[in-house]
Amino acid sequence: MQNRERWVTDTLVELADTLVPSLDPASYWLCVADRYTQLVASSSVHLSAAGDRATHPVVVNTDERLGRSPLDRILAEEGPGVDSRDGGESVNVLFDEATTRWPRLSPAALSLGYRSVHAFPLSRREDFLGTVTILTTETAMLPTTDLRVAHALADVATIGMLNHRAITGLTTTSEQLQGALTSRVIIEQAKGLVSARLEISPEAAFLLLRRYARSHNMKIGELCASLMRRHLTVDELTAPLPRPVKAGRRR
């Protein structure tokens, strides 16, 4: 990799740039997995992360072999990703030395040419988002500098996604509050209109609006909006309600 220091700084900035509500979590985790393949040559990456409130968990495999049965099931049930998730620490192991530890994963990985594996939790304090697992064809552990960068990528990606969730939550709350405020303003305007037109109190006007909304299966905010847009008249509010038609007697 040319200019490794520049690549590391650019990647950290890229993964930290998540303070936009339109960010797609699936695309973001795909980018994270891709950066790990750039960091470690001749590697395959398996990333499993929780989706946001609107999406299912995200699973990214940079090598199609990792997504094939039964290896995909094994990775979800056994191996460094599971150990990293449960222990909250990174896992760095040679598959030759882990045949007892992972009786299903180690033989399957060795048969595909993988020799070492490294897993890192995507976690920050009490928040756990998932794990990233790097499988390599090398028969040696990653250099210390690579391990430090891999840790840093996991930490920054986790912080980035937590920040995204926070800004998305604030945006949603702000939109909900703005919607409630707008609805309240429209209701007050409608009350004033009905009160002035019918020469009744605002309280009586609100009761009239509520009765009409209930009898017509409408939300009161929608009713008031229709009234203020002139889609409905005050006279229609006071029109007598239609009586239900009684069924005739059978002879």
C-alpha atoms as a PDB file:
ATOM      1  CA  MET A   1       0.000   0.000   0.000  1.00  0.00           C
ATOM      2  CA  GLN A   2       1.475   3.346  -1.045  1.00  0.00           C
ATOM      3  CA  ASN A   3       1.533   6.111   1.567  1.00  0.00           C
ATOM      4  CA  ARG A   4       0.069   3.962   4.329  1.00  0.00           C
ATOM      5  CA  GLU A   5      -0.096   6.811   6.832  1.00  0.00           C
ATOM      6  CA  ARG A   6      -2.214   8.895   4.434  1.00  0.00           C
ATOM      7  CA  TRP A   7      -4.520   5.930   3.812  1.00  0.00           C
ATOM      8  CA  VAL A   8      -5.069   5.408   7.543  1.00  0.00           C
ATOM      9  CA  THR A   9      -5.899   9.061   8.222  1.00  0.00           C
ATOM     10  CA  ASP A  10      -8.217   9.302   5.196  1.00  0.00           C
ATOM     11  CA  THR A  11     -10.012   6.089   6.190  1.00  0.00           C
ATOM     12  CA  LEU A  12     -10.524   7.204   9.794  1.00  0.00           C
ATOM     13  CA  VAL A  13     -11.998  10.504   8.604  1.00  0.00           C
ATOM     14  CA  GLU A  14     -14.206   8.688   6.093  1.00  0.00           C
ATOM     15  CA  LEU A  15     -15.615   6.298   8.703  1.00  0.00           C
ATOM     16  CA  ALA A  16     -16.190   9.129  11.182  1.00  0.00           C
ATOM     17  CA  ASP A  17     -18.227  11.177   8.690  1.00  0.00           C
ATOM     18  CA  THR A  18     -21.669   9.848   9.632  1.00  0.00           C
ATOM     19  CA  LEU A  19     -23.567  12.895  10.917  1.00  0.00           C
ATOM     20  CA  VAL A  20     -26.115  12.844   8.109  1.00  0.00           C
ATOM     21  CA  PRO A  21     -29.630  11.375   8.524  1.00  0.00           C
ATOM     22  CA  SER A  22     -29.555  10.008   4.956  1.00  0.00           C
ATOM     23  CA  LEU A  23     -26.656   7.631   5.672  1.00  0.00           C
ATOM     24  CA  ASP A  24     -27.512   4.037   4.708  1.00  0.00           C
ATOM     25  CA  PRO A  25     -26.245   1.626   7.423  1.00  0.00           C
ATOM     26  CA  ALA A  26     -25.890  -1.286   4.981  1.00  0.00           C
ATOM     27  CA  SER A  27     -23.706   0.774   2.633  1.00  0.00           C
ATOM     28  CA  TYR A  28     -21.695   2.074   5.569  1.00  0.00           C
ATOM     29  CA  TRP A  29     -20.865  -1.416   6.898  1.00  0.00           C
ATOM     30  CA  LEU A  30     -20.003  -2.532   3.365  1.00  0.00           C
ATOM     31  CA  CYS A  31     -17.504   0.323   3.227  1.00  0.00           C
ATOM     32  CA  VAL A  32     -16.057  -0.699   6.606  1.00  0.00           C
ATOM     33  CA  ALA A  33     -15.548  -4.293   5.426  1.00  0.00           C
ATOM     34  CA  ASP A  34     -13.909  -3.075   2.226  1.00  0.00           C
ATOM     35  CA  ARG A  35     -11.446  -0.950   4.181  1.00  0.00           C
ATOM     36  CA  TYR A  36     -10.380  -4.019   6.162  1.00  0.00           C
ATOM     37  CA  THR A  37      -9.620  -5.877   2.954  1.00  0.00           C
ATOM     38  CA  GLN A  38      -7.447  -2.934   1.927  1.00  0.00           C
ATOM     39  CA  LEU A  39      -5.658  -3.001   5.270  1.00  0.00           C
ATOM     40  CA  VAL A  40      -4.870  -6.740   5.199  1.00  0.00           C
ATOM     41  CA  ALA A  41      -3.752  -8.161   1.862  1.00  0.00           C
ATOM     42  CA  SER A  42      -5.036 -11.595   0.763  1.00  0.00           C
ATOM     43  CA  SER A  43      -7.847 -11.462   3.294  1.00  0.00           C
ATOM     44  CA  SER A  44     -11.558 -12.161   3.382  1.00  0.00           C
ATOM     45  CA  VAL A  45     -13.792 -10.225   5.737  1.00  0.00           C
ATOM     46  CA  HIS A  46     -16.994 -11.268   7.467  1.00  0.00           C
ATOM     47  CA  LEU A  47     -18.824  -8.400   9.175  1.00  0.00           C
ATOM     48  CA  SER A  48     -21.997  -8.767  11.193  1.00  0.00           C
ATOM     49  CA  ALA A  49     -23.648  -5.672  12.591  1.00  0.00           C
ATOM     50  CA  ALA A  50     -26.983  -4.661  14.013  1.00  0.00           C
ATOM     51  CA  GLY A  51     -29.162  -2.626  11.680  1.00  0.00           C
ATOM     52  CA  ASP A  52     -31.023   0.489  12.736  1.00  0.00           C
ATOM     53  CA  ARG A  53     -34.625   0.505  13.913  1.00  0.00           C
ATOM     54  CA  ALA A  54     -35.922   0.204  10.370  1.00  0.00           C
ATOM     55  CA  THR A  55     -33.628  -2.499   9.022  1.00  0.00           C
ATOM     56  CA  HIS A  56     -32.621  -6.084   9.737  1.00  0.00           C
ATOM     57  CA  PRO A  57     -29.112  -7.010  10.927  1.00  0.00           C
ATOM     58  CA  VAL A  58     -26.442  -6.409   8.295  1.00  0.00           C
ATOM     59  CA  VAL A  59     -24.073  -9.198   7.201  1.00  0.00           C
ATOM     60  CA  VAL A  60     -21.240  -8.420   4.786  1.00  0.00           C
ATOM     61  CA  ASN A  61     -18.943 -11.007   3.210  1.00  0.00           C
ATOM     62  CA  THR A  62     -16.176  -9.747   0.959  1.00  0.00           C
ATOM     63  CA  ASP A  63     -15.621 -13.320  -0.302  1.00  0.00           C
ATOM     64  CA  GLU A  64     -18.623 -15.255  -1.603  1.00  0.00           C
ATOM     65  CA  ARG A  65     -17.295 -18.451  -0.023  1.00  0.00           C
ATOM     66  CA  LEU A  66     -18.000 -17.045   3.439  1.00  0.00           C
ATOM     67  CA  GLY A  67     -21.674 -16.678   2.619  1.00  0.00           C
ATOM     68  CA  ARG A  68     -22.165 -20.252   1.460  1.00  0.00           C
ATOM     69  CA  SER A  69     -23.680 -22.983   3.582  1.00  0.00           C
ATOM     70  CA  PRO A  70     -22.560 -24.409   5.944  1.00  0.00           C
ATOM     71  CA  LEU A  71     -19.763 -21.877   6.556  1.00  0.00           C
ATOM     72  CA  ASP A  72     -22.211 -18.986   6.931  1.00  0.00           C
ATOM     73  CA  ARG A  73     -24.065 -20.851   9.698  1.00  0.00           C
ATOM     74  CA  ILE A  74     -20.832 -21.870  11.403  1.00  0.00           C
ATOM     75  CA  LEU A  75     -19.569 -18.278  11.514  1.00  0.00           C
ATOM     76  CA  ALA A  76     -22.805 -17.235  13.198  1.00  0.00           C
ATOM     77  CA  GLU A  77     -22.600 -19.996  15.815  1.00  0.00           C
ATOM     78  CA  GLU A  78     -18.900 -20.620  16.421  1.00  0.00           C
ATOM     79  CA  GLY A  79     -15.548 -18.965  15.965  1.00  0.00           C
ATOM     80  CA  PRO A  80     -13.689 -15.727  16.630  1.00  0.00           C
ATOM     81  CA  GLY A  81     -16.674 -13.497  15.939  1.00  0.00           C
ATOM     82  CA  VAL A  82     -18.755 -15.254  18.602  1.00  0.00           C
ATOM     83  CA  ASP A  83     -15.832 -15.271  21.061  1.00  0.00           C
ATOM     84  CA  SER A  84     -15.136 -11.588  20.399  1.00  0.00           C
ATOM     85  CA  ARG A  85     -18.793 -10.745  20.922  1.00  0.00           C
ATOM     86  CA  ASP A  86     -19.047 -12.682  24.172  1.00  0.00           C
ATOM     87  CA  GLY A  87     -15.708 -11.587  25.596  1.00  0.00           C
ATOM     88  CA  GLY A  88     -15.635  -8.036  24.285  1.00  0.00           C
ATOM     89  CA  GLU A  89     -12.005  -8.417  23.201  1.00  0.00           C
ATOM     90  CA  SER A  90     -10.192  -9.056  19.928  1.00  0.00           C
ATOM     91  CA  VAL A  91      -9.324 -12.627  18.930  1.00  0.00           C
ATOM     92  CA  ASN A  92      -6.165 -13.511  16.969  1.00  0.00           C
ATOM     93  CA  VAL A  93      -5.619 -17.226  16.291  1.00  0.00           C
ATOM     94  CA  LEU A  94      -4.035 -19.667  13.830  1.00  0.00           C
ATOM     95  CA  PHE A  95      -6.612 -22.185  12.613  1.00  0.00           C
ATOM     96  CA  ASP A  96      -4.102 -25.041  13.006  1.00  0.00           C
ATOM     97  CA  GLU A  97      -4.061 -24.279  16.730  1.00  0.00           C
ATOM     98  CA  ALA A  98      -7.820 -23.950  17.099  1.00  0.00           C
ATOM     99  CA  THR A  99      -9.157 -27.309  15.907  1.00  0.00           C
ATOM    100  CA  THR A 100     -10.293 -28.155  19.438  1.00  0.00           C
ATOM    101  CA  ARG A 101     -11.541 -24.661  20.186  1.00  0.00           C
ATOM    102  CA  TRP A 102     -13.611 -24.481  16.988  1.00  0.00           C
ATOM    103  CA  PRO A 103     -14.170 -28.087  15.834  1.00  0.00           C
ATOM    104  CA  ARG A 104     -16.414 -27.096  12.930  1.00  0.00           C
ATOM    105  CA  LEU A 105     -14.980 -23.763  11.799  1.00  0.00           C
ATOM    106  CA  SER A 106     -11.269 -24.618  11.806  1.00  0.00           C
ATOM    107  CA  PRO A 107     -11.479 -27.596   9.386  1.00  0.00           C
ATOM    108  CA  ALA A 108     -13.871 -25.702   7.118  1.00  0.00           C
ATOM    109  CA  ALA A 109     -11.608 -22.622   7.020  1.00  0.00           C
ATOM    110  CA  LEU A 110      -8.437 -24.672   6.492  1.00  0.00           C
ATOM    111  CA  SER A 111     -10.060 -26.483   3.572  1.00  0.00           C
ATOM    112  CA  LEU A 112     -10.574 -23.095   1.892  1.00  0.00           C
ATOM    113  CA  GLY A 113      -6.945 -22.087   2.381  1.00  0.00           C
ATOM    114  CA  TYR A 114      -7.370 -19.804   5.368  1.00  0.00           C
ATOM    115  CA  ARG A 115      -4.627 -20.087   7.970  1.00  0.00           C
ATOM    116  CA  SER A 116      -5.179 -17.286  10.483  1.00  0.00           C
ATOM    117  CA  VAL A 117      -8.145 -15.316  11.750  1.00  0.00           C
ATOM    118  CA  HIS A 118      -8.598 -12.040  13.598  1.00  0.00           C
ATOM    119  CA  ALA A 119     -11.856 -10.714  15.048  1.00  0.00           C
ATOM    120  CA  PHE A 120     -12.658  -7.337  16.568  1.00  0.00           C
ATOM    121  CA  PRO A 121     -15.791  -6.256  18.420  1.00  0.00           C
ATOM    122  CA  LEU A 122     -17.706  -3.268  17.134  1.00  0.00           C
ATOM    123  CA  SER A 123     -18.379  -1.965  20.602  1.00  0.00           C
ATOM    124  CA  ARG A 124     -17.972   1.119  22.739  1.00  0.00           C
ATOM    125  CA  ARG A 125     -18.513   0.931  26.488  1.00  0.00           C
ATOM    126  CA  GLU A 126     -21.948  -0.683  26.962  1.00  0.00           C
ATOM    127  CA  ASP A 127     -22.931  -0.371  23.291  1.00  0.00           C
ATOM    128  CA  PHE A 128     -22.315  -3.443  21.119  1.00  0.00           C
ATOM    129  CA  LEU A 129     -23.058  -3.277  17.396  1.00  0.00           C
ATOM    130  CA  GLY A 130     -21.428  -6.439  16.029  1.00  0.00           C
ATOM    131  CA  THR A 131     -18.086  -7.933  15.028  1.00  0.00           C
ATOM    132  CA  VAL A 132     -15.681  -7.890  12.117  1.00  0.00           C
ATOM    133  CA  THR A 133     -13.702 -11.040  11.317  1.00  0.00           C
ATOM    134  CA  ILE A 134     -10.627 -11.126   9.056  1.00  0.00           C
ATOM    135  CA  LEU A 135      -9.566 -14.475   7.599  1.00  0.00           C
ATOM    136  CA  THR A 136      -6.163 -14.581   5.908  1.00  0.00           C
ATOM    137  CA  THR A 137      -4.059 -17.099   4.029  1.00  0.00           C
ATOM    138  CA  GLU A 138      -0.984 -16.161   6.063  1.00  0.00           C
ATOM    139  CA  THR A 139       0.445 -18.633   8.588  1.00  0.00           C
ATOM    140  CA  ALA A 140       1.491 -15.836  10.940  1.00  0.00           C
ATOM    141  CA  MET A 141      -0.300 -13.306  13.100  1.00  0.00           C
ATOM    142  CA  LEU A 142      -0.843  -9.783  11.841  1.00  0.00           C
ATOM    143  CA  PRO A 143       1.905  -7.276  12.626  1.00  0.00           C
ATOM    144  CA  THR A 144       1.326  -5.161  15.726  1.00  0.00           C
ATOM    145  CA  THR A 145       0.834  -2.025  13.632  1.00  0.00           C
ATOM    146  CA  ASP A 146      -1.902  -3.715  11.576  1.00  0.00           C
ATOM    147  CA  LEU A 147      -3.642  -4.883  14.744  1.00  0.00           C
ATOM    148  CA  ARG A 148      -3.612  -1.358  16.137  1.00  0.00           C
ATOM    149  CA  VAL A 149      -5.060   0.067  12.934  1.00  0.00           C
ATOM    150  CA  ALA A 150      -7.698  -2.695  12.841  1.00  0.00           C
ATOM    151  CA  HIS A 151      -8.699  -1.831  16.401  1.00  0.00           C
ATOM    152  CA  ALA A 152      -8.876   1.848  15.497  1.00  0.00           C
ATOM    153  CA  LEU A 153     -11.092   1.171  12.473  1.00  0.00           C
ATOM    154  CA  ALA A 154     -13.483  -0.864  14.636  1.00  0.00           C
ATOM    155  CA  ASP A 155     -13.636   1.857  17.296  1.00  0.00           C
ATOM    156  CA  VAL A 156     -14.159   4.696  14.818  1.00  0.00           C
ATOM    157  CA  ALA A 157     -16.785   2.725  12.863  1.00  0.00           C
ATOM    158  CA  THR A 158     -18.669   2.022  16.090  1.00  0.00           C
ATOM    159  CA  ILE A 159     -18.528   5.641  17.218  1.00  0.00           C
ATOM    160  CA  GLY A 160     -19.529   6.775  13.746  1.00  0.00           C
ATOM    161  CA  MET A 161     -22.606   4.552  13.674  1.00  0.00           C
ATOM    162  CA  LEU A 162     -23.605   5.506  17.237  1.00  0.00           C
ATOM    163  CA  ASN A 163     -23.332   9.178  16.259  1.00  0.00           C
ATOM    164  CA  HIS A 164     -25.464   8.508  13.187  1.00  0.00           C
ATOM    165  CA  ARG A 165     -28.129   6.863  15.322  1.00  0.00           C
ATOM    166  CA  ALA A 166     -28.060   9.789  17.730  1.00  0.00           C
ATOM    167  CA  ILE A 167     -28.464  12.430  15.013  1.00  0.00           C
ATOM    168  CA  THR A 168     -31.186  10.363  13.330  1.00  0.00           C
ATOM    169  CA  GLY A 169     -33.028  10.069  16.633  1.00  0.00           C
ATOM    170  CA  LEU A 170     -32.780  13.820  17.243  1.00  0.00           C
ATOM    171  CA  THR A 171     -33.993  14.548  13.715  1.00  0.00           C
ATOM    172  CA  THR A 172     -36.959  12.202  14.131  1.00  0.00           C
ATOM    173  CA  THR A 173     -37.850  13.734  17.503  1.00  0.00           C
ATOM    174  CA  SER A 174     -37.571  17.241  16.067  1.00  0.00           C
ATOM    175  CA  GLU A 175     -39.841  16.330  13.150  1.00  0.00           C
ATOM    176  CA  GLN A 176     -42.385  14.777  15.518  1.00  0.00           C
ATOM    177  CA  LEU A 177     -42.367  17.852  17.765  1.00  0.00           C
ATOM    178  CA  GLN A 178     -42.687  20.147  14.759  1.00  0.00           C
ATOM    179  CA  GLY A 179     -45.581  18.052  13.470  1.00  0.00           C
ATOM    180  CA  ALA A 180     -47.318  18.198  16.847  1.00  0.00           C
ATOM    181  CA  LEU A 181     -46.777  21.966  17.057  1.00  0.00           C
ATOM    182  CA  THR A 182     -48.100  22.503  13.538  1.00  0.00           C
ATOM    183  CA  SER A 183     -51.146  20.363  14.274  1.00  0.00           C
ATOM    184  CA  ARG A 184     -51.806  22.284  17.492  1.00  0.00           C
ATOM    185  CA  VAL A 185     -51.589  25.627  15.688  1.00  0.00           C
ATOM    186  CA  ILE A 186     -54.062  24.466  13.030  1.00  0.00           C
ATOM    187  CA  ILE A 187     -56.476  23.215  15.700  1.00  0.00           C
ATOM    188  CA  GLU A 188     -56.352  26.577  17.508  1.00  0.00           C
ATOM    189  CA  GLN A 189     -56.951  28.403  14.212  1.00  0.00           C
ATOM    190  CA  ALA A 190     -59.943  26.175  13.435  1.00  0.00           C
ATOM    191  CA  LYS A 191     -61.355  26.706  16.922  1.00  0.00           C
ATOM    192  CA  GLY A 192     -61.082  30.457  16.429  1.00  0.00           C
ATOM    193  CA  LEU A 193     -62.770  30.285  13.034  1.00  0.00           C
ATOM    194  CA  VAL A 194     -65.703  28.193  14.270  1.00  0.00           C
ATOM    195  CA  SER A 195     -66.031  30.280  17.444  1.00  0.00           C
ATOM    196  CA  ALA A 196     -66.215  33.531  15.491  1.00  0.00           C
ATOM    197  CA  ARG A 197     -68.494  32.219  12.738  1.00  0.00           C
ATOM    198  CA  LEU A 198     -71.019  30.591  15.104  1.00  0.00           C
ATOM    199  CA  GLU A 199     -70.553  33.103  17.945  1.00  0.00           C
ATOM    200  CA  ILE A 200     -69.787  30.405  20.496  1.00  0.00           C
ATOM    201  CA  SER A 201     -66.959  29.925  22.976  1.00  0.00           C
ATOM    202  CA  PRO A 202     -63.666  28.310  21.872  1.00  0.00           C
ATOM    203  CA  GLU A 203     -64.430  25.394  24.198  1.00  0.00           C
ATOM    204  CA  ALA A 204     -67.806  24.806  22.523  1.00  0.00           C
ATOM    205  CA  ALA A 205     -66.137  25.111  19.115  1.00  0.00           C
ATOM    206  CA  PHE A 206     -63.631  22.412  20.059  1.00  0.00           C
ATOM    207  CA  LEU A 207     -66.419  20.088  21.226  1.00  0.00           C
ATOM    208  CA  LEU A 208     -68.169  20.611  17.898  1.00  0.00           C
ATOM    209  CA  LEU A 209     -64.986  19.807  15.991  1.00  0.00           C
ATOM    210  CA  ARG A 210     -64.343  16.715  18.083  1.00  0.00           C
ATOM    211  CA  ARG A 211     -67.900  15.438  17.616  1.00  0.00           C
ATOM    212  CA  TYR A 212     -67.679  15.851  13.846  1.00  0.00           C
ATOM    213  CA  ALA A 213     -64.284  14.154  13.693  1.00  0.00           C
ATOM    214  CA  ARG A 214     -65.502  11.158  15.707  1.00  0.00           C
ATOM    215  CA  SER A 215     -68.706  10.758  13.726  1.00  0.00           C
ATOM    216  CA  HIS A 216     -66.773  10.838  10.445  1.00  0.00           C
ATOM    217  CA  ASN A 217     -63.847   8.687  11.636  1.00  0.00           C
ATOM    218  CA  MET A 218     -61.319  11.497  11.164  1.00  0.00           C
ATOM    219  CA  LYS A 219     -58.407  12.742  13.203  1.00  0.00           C
ATOM    220  CA  ILE A 220     -59.161  16.152  14.606  1.00  0.00           C
ATOM    221  CA  GLY A 221     -55.952  17.550  13.127  1.00  0.00           C
ATOM    222  CA  GLU A 222     -56.984  16.405   9.650  1.00  0.00           C
ATOM    223  CA  LEU A 223     -60.464  17.874  10.141  1.00  0.00           C
ATOM    224  CA  CYS A 224     -59.085  21.244  11.193  1.00  0.00           C
ATOM    225  CA  ALA A 225     -56.654  21.267   8.274  1.00  0.00           C
ATOM    226  CA  SER A 226     -59.536  20.612   5.853  1.00  0.00           C
ATOM    227  CA  LEU A 227     -61.508  23.416   7.465  1.00  0.00           C
ATOM    228  CA  MET A 228     -58.642  25.909   7.192  1.00  0.00           C
ATOM    229  CA  ARG A 229     -57.987  24.933   3.549  1.00  0.00           C
ATOM    230  CA  ARG A 230     -61.659  25.553   2.767  1.00  0.00           C
ATOM    231  CA  HIS A 231     -62.223  21.910   1.853  1.00  0.00           C
ATOM    232  CA  LEU A 232     -64.914  21.886   4.528  1.00  0.00           C
ATOM    233  CA  THR A 233     -67.269  24.650   5.648  1.00  0.00           C
ATOM    234  CA  VAL A 234     -68.450  25.623   9.114  1.00  0.00           C
ATOM    235  CA  ASP A 235     -72.038  24.999   7.975  1.00  0.00           C
ATOM    236  CA  GLU A 236     -71.160  21.361   7.268  1.00  0.00           C
ATOM    237  CA  LEU A 237     -69.956  21.002  10.854  1.00  0.00           C
ATOM    238  CA  THR A 238     -73.367  21.942  12.173  1.00  0.00           C
ATOM    239  CA  ALA A 239     -75.388  19.829   9.740  1.00  0.00           C
ATOM    240  CA  PRO A 240     -77.432  17.175  11.573  1.00  0.00           C
ATOM    241  CA  LEU A 241     -75.858  13.756  11.629  1.00  0.00           C
ATOM    242  CA  PRO A 242     -77.561  11.171   9.405  1.00  0.00           C
ATOM    243  CA  ARG A 243     -79.675   8.691  11.315  1.00  0.00           C
ATOM    244  CA  PRO A 244     -78.938   5.006  10.842  1.00  0.00           C
ATOM    245  CA  VAL A 245     -81.500   3.229   8.679  1.00  0.00           C
ATOM    246  CA  LYS A 246     -83.490   0.673  10.668  1.00  0.00           C
ATOM    247  CA  ALA A 247     -83.901  -2.732   9.136  1.00  0.00           C
ATOM    248  CA  GLY A 248     -87.468  -3.497   8.142  1.00  0.00           C
ATOM    249  CA  ARG A 249     -89.401  -6.237   9.863  1.00  0.00           C
ATOM    250  CA  ARG A 250     -89.651  -9.530   8.116  1.00  0.00           C
ATOM    251  CA  ARG A 251     -93.105 -10.768   7.309  1.00  0.00           C
END
